[in-house]
PDB file of N, CA and C in Angstrom:
ATOM      1  N   MET A   1     128.774 114.340 104.294  1.00  0.00           N
ATOM      2  CA  MET A   1     128.495 113.181 104.304  1.00  0.00           C
ATOM      3  C   MET A   1     126.917 112.919 104.380  1.00  0.00           C
ATOM      4  N   ALA A   2     126.338 113.272 103.489  1.00  0.00           N
ATOM      5  CA  ALA A   2     124.921 113.365 103.519  1.00  0.00           C
ATOM      6  C   ALA A   2     124.676 112.061 103.354  1.00  0.00           C
ATOM      7  N   GLY A   3     125.457 111.384 102.374  1.00  0.00           N
ATOM      8  CA  GLY A   3     124.735 110.072 102.003  1.00  0.00           C
ATOM      9  C   GLY A   3     124.960 109.097 103.027  1.00  0.00           C
ATOM     10  N   MET A   4     126.031 109.316 103.936  1.00  0.00           N
ATOM     11  CA  MET A   4     125.839 108.349 105.417  1.00  0.00           C
ATOM     12  C   MET A   4     124.902 108.459 106.203  1.00  0.00           C
ATOM     13  N   LYS A   5     124.139 109.683 106.405  1.00  0.00           N
ATOM     14  CA  LYS A   5     123.357 110.218 107.365  1.00  0.00           C
ATOM     15  C   LYS A   5     121.695 109.417 106.734  1.00  0.00           C
ATOM     16  N   THR A   6     121.701 109.712 105.563  1.00  0.00           N
ATOM     17  CA  THR A   6     120.605 108.835 104.672  1.00  0.00           C
ATOM     18  C   THR A   6     120.730 107.679 104.644  1.00  0.00           C
ATOM     19  N   LEU A   7     121.712 106.835 104.650  1.00  0.00           N
ATOM     20  CA  LEU A   7     122.229 105.754 104.670  1.00  0.00           C
ATOM     21  C   LEU A   7     121.631 105.076 106.131  1.00  0.00           C
ATOM     22  N   SER A   8     121.937 105.652 107.006  1.00  0.00           N
ATOM     23  CA  SER A   8     121.690 105.444 108.434  1.00  0.00           C
ATOM     24  C   SER A   8     120.196 105.558 108.845  1.00  0.00           C
ATOM     25  N   LEU A   9     119.531 106.859 108.402  1.00  0.00           N
ATOM     26  CA  LEU A   9     118.111 106.873 108.175  1.00  0.00           C
ATOM     27  C   LEU A   9     117.281 105.472 107.863  1.00  0.00           C
ATOM     28  N   LYS A  10     117.913 105.337 107.069  1.00  0.00           N
ATOM     29  CA  LYS A  10     117.331 103.962 105.937  1.00  0.00           C
ATOM     30  C   LYS A  10     117.218 102.829 106.842  1.00  0.00           C
ATOM     31  N   TYR A  11     118.339 102.412 107.595  1.00  0.00           N
ATOM     32  CA  TYR A  11     118.664 101.205 108.440  1.00  0.00           C
ATOM     33  C   TYR A  11     117.699 101.468 109.589  1.00  0.00           C
ATOM     34  N   GLN A  12     117.746 102.663 109.878  1.00  0.00           N
ATOM     35  CA  GLN A  12     116.839 103.119 111.533  1.00  0.00           C
ATOM     36  C   GLN A  12     115.403 102.741 111.181  1.00  0.00           C
ATOM     37  N   ILE A  13     114.640 103.065 109.603  1.00  0.00           N
ATOM     38  CA  ILE A  13     113.456 102.736 109.416  1.00  0.00           C
ATOM     39  C   ILE A  13     113.223 101.513 109.077  1.00  0.00           C
ATOM     40  N   PHE A  14     114.483 100.967 108.708  1.00  0.00           N
ATOM     41  CA  PHE A  14     114.169  99.530 108.480  1.00  0.00           C
ATOM     42  C   PHE A  14     114.209  98.808 109.628  1.00  0.00           C
ATOM     43  N   THR A  15     114.705  99.044 110.849  1.00  0.00           N
ATOM     44  CA  THR A  15     114.754  98.349 111.912  1.00  0.00           C
ATOM     45  C   THR A  15     113.249  98.565 112.741  1.00  0.00           C
ATOM     46  N   LEU A  16     112.814  99.714 112.375  1.00  0.00           N
ATOM     47  CA  LEU A  16     111.495 100.012 112.940  1.00  0.00           C
ATOM     48  C   LEU A  16     110.391  99.139 112.337  1.00  0.00           C
ATOM     49  N   MET A  17     110.576  99.325 111.046  1.00  0.00           N
ATOM     50  CA  MET A  17     109.626  98.408 110.309  1.00  0.00           C
ATOM     51  C   MET A  17     109.495  96.857 110.756  1.00  0.00           C
ATOM     52  N   LEU A  18     110.745  96.405 110.903  1.00  0.00           N
ATOM     53  CA  LEU A  18     110.829  95.151 111.426  1.00  0.00           C
ATOM     54  C   LEU A  18     110.270  94.499 112.851  1.00  0.00           C
ATOM     55  N   PHE A  19     110.541  95.758 113.590  1.00  0.00           N
ATOM     56  CA  PHE A  19     109.983  95.702 115.285  1.00  0.00           C
ATOM     57  C   PHE A  19     108.534  95.555 115.182  1.00  0.00           C
ATOM     58  N   TYR A  20     107.818  96.520 113.901  1.00  0.00           N
ATOM     59  CA  TYR A  20     106.481  96.439 113.699  1.00  0.00           C
ATOM     60  C   TYR A  20     106.091  95.151 113.389  1.00  0.00           C
ATOM     61  N   CYS A  21     106.568  94.765 112.467  1.00  0.00           N
ATOM     62  CA  CYS A  21     106.450  93.741 111.515  1.00  0.00           C
ATOM     63  C   CYS A  21     106.364  92.279 112.657  1.00  0.00           C
ATOM     64  N   SER A  22     107.394  92.268 113.782  1.00  0.00           N
ATOM     65  CA  SER A  22     107.034  91.439 114.622  1.00  0.00           C
ATOM     66  C   SER A  22     106.472  91.566 115.962  1.00  0.00           C
ATOM     67  N   ASP A  23     105.876  92.899 115.907  1.00  0.00           N
ATOM     68  CA  ASP A  23     104.929  93.301 116.796  1.00  0.00           C
ATOM     69  C   ASP A  23     103.509  92.907 116.431  1.00  0.00           C
ATOM     70  N   TYR A  24     102.984  92.643 115.083  1.00  0.00           N
ATOM     71  CA  TYR A  24     101.847  92.221 114.390  1.00  0.00           C
ATOM     72  C   TYR A  24     101.642  91.201 114.582  1.00  0.00           C
ATOM     73  N   HIS A  25     100.780  90.313 114.949  1.00  0.00           N
ATOM     74  CA  HIS A  25     100.083  89.292 114.657  1.00  0.00           C
ATOM     75  C   HIS A  25      99.507  88.314 113.424  1.00  0.00           C
ATOM     76  N   LYS A  26      98.785  89.581 113.117  1.00  0.00           N
ATOM     77  CA  LYS A  26      98.200  89.094 111.732  1.00  0.00           C
ATOM     78  C   LYS A  26      98.815  89.322 110.679  1.00  0.00           C
ATOM     79  N   SER A  27      99.030  88.241 109.816  1.00  0.00           N
ATOM     80  CA  SER A  27      99.609  88.113 108.413  1.00  0.00           C
ATOM     81  C   SER A  27      99.337  89.324 107.498  1.00  0.00           C
ATOM     82  N   ILE A  28      98.034  89.667 107.557  1.00  0.00           N
ATOM     83  CA  ILE A  28      97.516  90.591 106.669  1.00  0.00           C
ATOM     84  C   ILE A  28      98.291  92.063 106.886  1.00  0.00           C
ATOM     85  N   GLN A  29      98.307  92.203 108.241  1.00  0.00           N
ATOM     86  CA  GLN A  29      98.914  93.703 108.561  1.00  0.00           C
ATOM     87  C   GLN A  29     100.449  93.305 108.663  1.00  0.00           C
ATOM     88  N   LYS A  30     100.837  92.283 108.410  1.00  0.00           N
ATOM     89  CA  LYS A  30     102.455  92.171 108.098  1.00  0.00           C
ATOM     90  C   LYS A  30     102.769  92.540 106.587  1.00  0.00           C
ATOM     91  N   ARG A  31     101.839  91.898 105.960  1.00  0.00           N
ATOM     92  CA  ARG A  31     101.919  91.918 104.416  1.00  0.00           C
ATOM     93  C   ARG A  31     101.608  93.629 103.826  1.00  0.00           C
ATOM     94  N   GLN A  32     101.031  94.027 104.917  1.00  0.00           N
ATOM     95  CA  GLN A  32     100.643  95.631 104.253  1.00  0.00           C
ATOM     96  C   GLN A  32     101.997  96.184 104.512  1.00  0.00           C
ATOM     97  N   ILE A  33     102.781  95.991 105.599  1.00  0.00           N
ATOM     98  CA  ILE A  33     103.714  96.817 106.177  1.00  0.00           C
ATOM     99  C   ILE A  33     105.087  96.411 105.233  1.00  0.00           C
ATOM    100  N   ILE A  34     104.952  95.273 104.891  1.00  0.00           N
ATOM    101  CA  ILE A  34     105.951  94.794 103.874  1.00  0.00           C
ATOM    102  C   ILE A  34     106.085  95.410 102.941  1.00  0.00           C
ATOM    103  N   LEU A  35     105.050  95.357 102.246  1.00  0.00           N
ATOM    104  CA  LEU A  35     104.456  96.363 101.114  1.00  0.00           C
ATOM    105  C   LEU A  35     104.886  97.567 100.974  1.00  0.00           C
ATOM    106  N   PHE A  36     104.335  98.117 101.982  1.00  0.00           N
ATOM    107  CA  PHE A  36     104.589  99.745 102.359  1.00  0.00           C
ATOM    108  C   PHE A  36     106.210  99.757 101.976  1.00  0.00           C
ATOM    109  N   PHE A  37     106.911  98.914 102.860  1.00  0.00           N
ATOM    110  CA  PHE A  37     108.137  99.312 103.405  1.00  0.00           C
ATOM    111  C   PHE A  37     109.089  99.376 101.889  1.00  0.00           C
ATOM    112  N   THR A  38     108.705  97.745 101.042  1.00  0.00           N
ATOM    113  CA  THR A  38     109.155  98.021  99.925  1.00  0.00           C
ATOM    114  C   THR A  38     108.909  98.499  98.602  1.00  0.00           C
ATOM    115  N   SER A  39     107.691  99.526  98.582  1.00  0.00           N
ATOM    116  CA  SER A  39     107.581 100.447  97.842  1.00  0.00           C
ATOM    117  C   SER A  39     108.265 101.758  98.396  1.00  0.00           C
ATOM    118  N   PHE A  40     108.190 101.686  99.342  1.00  0.00           N
ATOM    119  CA  PHE A  40     109.053 102.798 100.009  1.00  0.00           C
ATOM    120  C   PHE A  40     110.445 102.768  99.778  1.00  0.00           C
ATOM    121  N   MET A  41     111.061 101.825  99.596  1.00  0.00           N
ATOM    122  CA  MET A  41     112.358 101.504  99.498  1.00  0.00           C
ATOM    123  C   MET A  41     112.937 101.871  98.021  1.00  0.00           C
ATOM    124  N   ILE A  42     111.886 101.576  97.096  1.00  0.00           N
ATOM    125  CA  ILE A  42     111.747 101.501  95.694  1.00  0.00           C
ATOM    126  C   ILE A  42     111.778 103.082  95.072  1.00  0.00           C
ATOM    127  N   LYS A  43     110.844 103.643  96.119  1.00  0.00           N
ATOM    128  CA  LYS A  43     110.883 105.030  95.831  1.00  0.00           C
ATOM    129  C   LYS A  43     112.063 105.775  96.017  1.00  0.00           C
ATOM    130  N   THR A  44     112.509 105.739  97.227  1.00  0.00           N
ATOM    131  CA  THR A  44     113.801 106.328  97.668  1.00  0.00           C
ATOM    132  C   THR A  44     115.092 106.115  96.748  1.00  0.00           C
ATOM    133  N   LYS A  45     115.082 105.408  95.742  1.00  0.00           N
ATOM    134  CA  LYS A  45     116.102 105.130  95.220  1.00  0.00           C
ATOM    135  C   LYS A  45     116.038 106.021  93.817  1.00  0.00           C
ATOM    136  N   SER A  46     114.673 106.399  93.265  1.00  0.00           N
ATOM    137  CA  SER A  46     114.747 107.708  92.450  1.00  0.00           C
ATOM    138  C   SER A  46     114.619 108.972  92.808  1.00  0.00           C
ATOM    139  N   LYS A  47     113.887 109.200  94.343  1.00  0.00           N
ATOM    140  CA  LYS A  47     113.684 110.581  94.741  1.00  0.00           C
ATOM    141  C   LYS A  47     114.621 110.366  95.647  1.00  0.00           C
ATOM    142  N   SER A  48     114.508 111.564  96.151  1.00  0.00           N
ATOM    143  CA  SER A  48     115.122 112.080  97.671  1.00  0.00           C
ATOM    144  C   SER A  48     114.691 111.078  98.651  1.00  0.00           C
ATOM    145  N   PHE A  49     115.514 110.880  99.779  1.00  0.00           N
ATOM    146  CA  PHE A  49     114.745 110.167 100.882  1.00  0.00           C
ATOM    147  C   PHE A  49     113.670 111.049 101.323  1.00  0.00           C
ATOM    148  N   GLU A  50     113.847 112.032 101.798  1.00  0.00           N
ATOM    149  CA  GLU A  50     112.786 112.879 102.642  1.00  0.00           C
ATOM    150  C   GLU A  50     111.593 113.204 101.693  1.00  0.00           C
ATOM    151  N   LYS A  51     111.771 113.344 100.076  1.00  0.00           N
ATOM    152  CA  LYS A  51     110.608 113.415  99.259  1.00  0.00           C
ATOM    153  C   LYS A  51     109.665 112.225  99.342  1.00  0.00           C
ATOM    154  N   ALA A  52     110.208 110.832  99.242  1.00  0.00           N
ATOM    155  CA  ALA A  52     109.593 109.540  99.564  1.00  0.00           C
ATOM    156  C   ALA A  52     108.948 109.388 100.741  1.00  0.00           C
ATOM    157  N   LEU A  53     109.660 109.766 101.854  1.00  0.00           N
ATOM    158  CA  LEU A  53     108.982 109.708 103.201  1.00  0.00           C
ATOM    159  C   LEU A  53     107.718 110.392 103.384  1.00  0.00           C
ATOM    160  N   PHE A  54     107.549 111.545 102.658  1.00  0.00           N
ATOM    161  CA  PHE A  54     106.375 112.660 102.816  1.00  0.00           C
ATOM    162  C   PHE A  54     105.278 112.348 101.966  1.00  0.00           C
ATOM    163  N   THR A  55     105.705 111.356 101.019  1.00  0.00           N
ATOM    164  CA  THR A  55     104.271 110.724 100.059  1.00  0.00           C
ATOM    165  C   THR A  55     103.521 110.002 100.615  1.00  0.00           C
ATOM    166  N   TYR A  56     103.997 109.322 101.731  1.00  0.00           N
ATOM    167  CA  TYR A  56     102.962 108.855 102.684  1.00  0.00           C
ATOM    168  C   TYR A  56     102.104 109.464 103.761  1.00  0.00           C
TER     169      TYR A  56
END
């Protein structure tokens, strides 16, 4: 069930990103985090999750 682990890990990181987005008050920082997360999720579709994680 490696796919299930990867999915739960994605949700954990998504929750973490949402936490950081709500924690930051400057819109520029929010935008940077959202852009980072969006590009991160796009990368995970083509590569393995761990490889995409370590490219940042």
